[in-house]
Amino acid sequence: MAVSYAYFLLLRDCALRDARIGLAQTFPLHITVRGRFRPRETFSLADLIEVGRQALHELQPFSCELSGPVRVGEDLLWYEIEPGANGFDNVMRAHIRIEQAVRLADIVEFDHVMNSHRLEHFRPHVTVAFESISQDFTKSWPTRLTAHVDGWALYQYDGDAVDSSARVVHVNSFRSDDL
């Protein structure tokens, strides 16, 4: 079975925690900063954790402003961190650092993320639904809210399918509790 990984920024104190629907409920509340990839066999879990530590070691806790909900296709709903919004620059910095670290270490055997969704094309977001829901259901949801980023995680997927079982295999909290 192919195992793949992703790097997440972890969120706390966010109203979306209990609003997630379907498959989105099975993940910790997060912003993906490096989407799924299958590493080369020569890389261990410890190697992947170290790449994350090296890339993200300078991050401190921060807040970000989320806008939405945004419907992407038939069955994907998320809140975005728009350019210029509070926290956008920090999320982009984390995305660029982890992308560069993964590329420099030459970790990736197979990438689930298309180039058209990376770097300047990256759309930071928090997924709240992976299934079709009516617009009436989301009418009462806020259009703007604040989330607090307080660490990062490495997530492991047991397979290549979207609904593969998955779990957190490493969490790294940021050094300060101050926001």
Protein backbone atom coordinates (compact mmCIF):
# COMPACT_ATOMS: atom_id res chain seq x y z
CA MET A 1 0.00 0.00 0.00
CA ALA A 2 1.32 3.45 -0.92
CA VAL A 3 1.63 5.84 2.02
CA SER A 4 1.49 9.58 1.40
CA TYR A 5 1.93 12.66 3.59
CA ALA A 6 0.96 16.34 3.86
CA TYR A 7 2.07 19.24 6.06
CA PHE A 8 -0.64 21.21 7.90
CA LEU A 9 -0.76 24.40 9.94
CA LEU A 10 -2.95 23.63 12.96
CA LEU A 11 -5.78 25.95 14.02
CA ARG A 12 -7.32 26.53 17.41
CA ASP A 13 -10.08 28.80 18.72
CA CYS A 14 -12.00 28.79 15.47
CA ALA A 15 -15.79 28.70 15.08
CA LEU A 16 -15.42 26.25 12.19
CA ARG A 17 -14.34 23.41 14.47
CA ASP A 18 -17.93 22.18 14.94
CA ALA A 19 -19.25 23.28 11.53
CA ARG A 20 -17.31 20.79 9.42
CA ILE A 21 -19.23 18.17 7.49
CA GLY A 22 -18.42 14.67 6.20
CA LEU A 23 -14.81 13.74 5.54
CA ALA A 24 -13.65 17.19 6.70
CA GLN A 25 -14.56 16.15 10.27
CA THR A 26 -11.94 13.41 10.25
CA PHE A 27 -9.03 15.85 9.95
CA PRO A 28 -7.74 18.26 12.57
CA LEU A 29 -8.81 21.83 11.79
CA HIS A 30 -5.99 23.02 9.54
CA ILE A 31 -4.59 24.88 6.56
CA THR A 32 -2.65 22.57 4.23
CA VAL A 33 0.70 24.19 3.41
CA ARG A 34 2.10 21.20 1.48
CA GLY A 35 -0.42 18.87 -0.07
CA ARG A 36 -0.20 15.12 -0.40
CA PHE A 37 2.88 13.45 -1.78
CA ARG A 38 4.34 9.97 -1.71
CA PRO A 39 7.97 10.11 -0.52
CA ARG A 40 10.81 8.13 -2.02
CA GLU A 41 11.43 4.86 -0.15
CA THR A 42 14.77 6.16 1.12
CA PHE A 43 13.01 8.72 3.36
CA SER A 44 11.87 7.71 6.83
CA LEU A 45 9.17 9.30 8.93
CA ALA A 46 11.96 10.93 11.00
CA ASP A 47 13.37 12.46 7.79
CA LEU A 48 9.99 13.95 6.89
CA ILE A 49 9.57 15.40 10.38
CA GLU A 50 13.05 16.93 10.20
CA VAL A 51 12.26 18.55 6.83
CA GLY A 52 9.19 20.12 8.46
CA ARG A 53 11.20 21.31 11.47
CA GLN A 54 13.88 22.88 9.29
CA ALA A 55 11.35 24.62 7.04
CA LEU A 56 8.94 25.86 9.71
CA HIS A 57 11.18 26.44 12.75
CA GLU A 58 10.91 30.25 12.64
CA LEU A 59 7.11 30.38 12.70
CA GLN A 60 5.39 31.79 15.74
CA PRO A 61 1.68 31.69 16.61
CA PHE A 62 -0.42 34.05 14.52
CA SER A 63 -4.03 34.87 13.71
CA CYS A 64 -5.58 34.77 10.29
CA GLU A 65 -8.81 36.11 8.85
CA LEU A 66 -10.98 33.64 6.96
CA SER A 67 -13.59 34.59 4.35
CA GLY A 68 -16.33 32.39 3.03
CA PRO A 69 -17.88 30.02 2.72
CA VAL A 70 -16.55 29.46 -0.81
CA ARG A 71 -18.08 26.67 -2.90
CA VAL A 72 -15.51 24.94 -5.11
CA GLY A 73 -17.28 22.59 -7.48
CA GLU A 74 -20.20 20.44 -6.39
CA ASP A 75 -18.90 18.97 -3.15
CA LEU A 76 -16.12 21.13 -1.73
CA LEU A 77 -16.71 24.04 0.63
CA TRP A 78 -14.02 26.09 2.32
CA TYR A 79 -13.06 29.39 3.94
CA GLU A 80 -10.17 31.23 2.27
CA ILE A 81 -7.40 33.44 3.58
CA GLU A 82 -7.46 36.14 0.94
CA PRO A 83 -4.42 38.13 -0.22
CA GLY A 84 -3.98 41.11 2.07
CA ALA A 85 -6.01 39.53 4.89
CA ASN A 86 -4.54 39.17 8.36
CA GLY A 87 -2.28 36.09 8.39
CA PHE A 88 -2.06 35.64 4.60
CA ASP A 89 1.64 36.52 4.45
CA ASN A 90 2.48 34.08 7.27
CA VAL A 91 0.61 31.23 5.59
CA MET A 92 2.25 31.96 2.24
CA ARG A 93 5.67 32.08 3.90
CA ALA A 94 5.04 28.67 5.48
CA HIS A 95 3.83 27.27 2.15
CA ILE A 96 6.87 28.55 0.24
CA ARG A 97 9.31 27.33 2.91
CA ILE A 98 7.92 23.81 3.05
CA GLU A 99 7.65 23.61 -0.77
CA GLN A 100 11.30 24.65 -1.08
CA ALA A 101 12.45 22.26 1.66
CA VAL A 102 10.61 19.30 0.12
CA ARG A 103 12.01 20.13 -3.31
CA LEU A 104 15.57 20.68 -2.01
CA ALA A 105 15.54 17.37 -0.12
CA ASP A 106 14.24 15.64 -3.26
CA ILE A 107 11.69 13.72 -1.18
CA VAL A 108 8.82 13.33 -3.63
CA GLU A 109 8.35 10.14 -5.63
CA PHE A 110 4.73 10.90 -6.60
CA ASP A 111 2.94 14.21 -6.12
CA HIS A 112 -0.82 14.51 -5.66
CA VAL A 113 -0.60 18.32 -6.03
CA MET A 114 -0.56 19.85 -9.48
CA ASN A 115 1.92 22.65 -10.16
CA SER A 116 -1.07 24.88 -10.90
CA HIS A 117 -1.94 24.77 -7.16
CA ARG A 118 1.49 25.66 -5.77
CA LEU A 119 3.54 28.74 -4.94
CA GLU A 120 1.95 31.80 -6.59
CA HIS A 121 -1.16 29.71 -7.42
CA PHE A 122 -1.62 28.44 -3.85
CA ARG A 123 -5.03 29.30 -2.35
CA PRO A 124 -4.77 28.95 1.43
CA HIS A 125 -8.04 27.71 2.89
CA VAL A 126 -9.76 25.70 5.60
CA THR A 127 -11.97 22.94 4.18
CA VAL A 128 -15.31 22.59 5.94
CA ALA A 129 -17.15 20.09 3.69
CA PHE A 130 -16.23 17.32 1.26
CA GLU A 131 -19.80 16.54 0.28
CA SER A 132 -22.70 18.25 -1.42
CA ILE A 133 -24.64 20.56 0.90
CA SER A 134 -27.33 23.10 0.12
CA GLN A 135 -26.66 26.83 0.09
CA ASP A 136 -29.55 27.23 2.54
CA PHE A 137 -27.56 25.20 5.06
CA THR A 138 -24.68 27.69 4.98
CA LYS A 139 -26.76 30.92 4.92
CA SER A 140 -26.33 31.44 8.65
CA TRP A 141 -22.58 30.86 8.58
CA PRO A 142 -20.37 33.91 9.16
CA THR A 143 -18.71 35.48 6.12
CA ARG A 144 -15.59 36.41 8.09
CA LEU A 145 -13.99 34.88 11.13
CA THR A 146 -10.63 34.61 12.85
CA ALA A 147 -8.56 31.49 13.38
CA HIS A 148 -5.36 31.10 15.39
CA VAL A 149 -2.44 29.09 14.04
CA ASP A 150 -0.41 27.53 16.85
CA GLY A 151 1.62 24.71 15.30
CA TRP A 152 2.15 22.37 12.41
CA ALA A 153 1.55 18.68 11.82
CA LEU A 154 2.61 15.93 9.48
CA TYR A 155 -0.36 13.89 8.30
CA GLN A 156 -0.10 10.35 6.92
CA TYR A 157 -2.57 8.83 4.43
CA ASP A 158 -2.77 5.06 4.03
CA GLY A 159 -3.25 5.00 0.26
CA ASP A 160 -3.71 7.32 -2.68
CA ALA A 161 -7.52 7.62 -2.68
CA VAL A 162 -9.13 10.83 -1.42
CA ASP A 163 -10.94 8.91 1.30
CA SER A 164 -7.91 6.85 2.42
CA SER A 165 -7.66 6.43 6.16
CA ALA A 166 -5.36 9.04 7.62
CA ARG A 167 -3.89 10.25 10.89
CA VAL A 168 -1.57 12.78 12.46
CA VAL A 169 1.90 11.25 12.88
CA HIS A 170 3.68 14.33 14.27
CA VAL A 171 2.66 17.62 15.89
CA ASN A 172 4.97 20.54 16.51
CA SER A 173 3.60 23.39 18.65
CA PHE A 174 5.04 26.84 18.27
CA ARG A 175 7.21 28.13 21.11
CA SER A 176 5.01 30.93 22.40
CA ASP A 177 1.42 31.02 23.58
CA ASP A 178 1.25 34.75 22.87
CA LEU A 179 -0.74 35.85 19.86
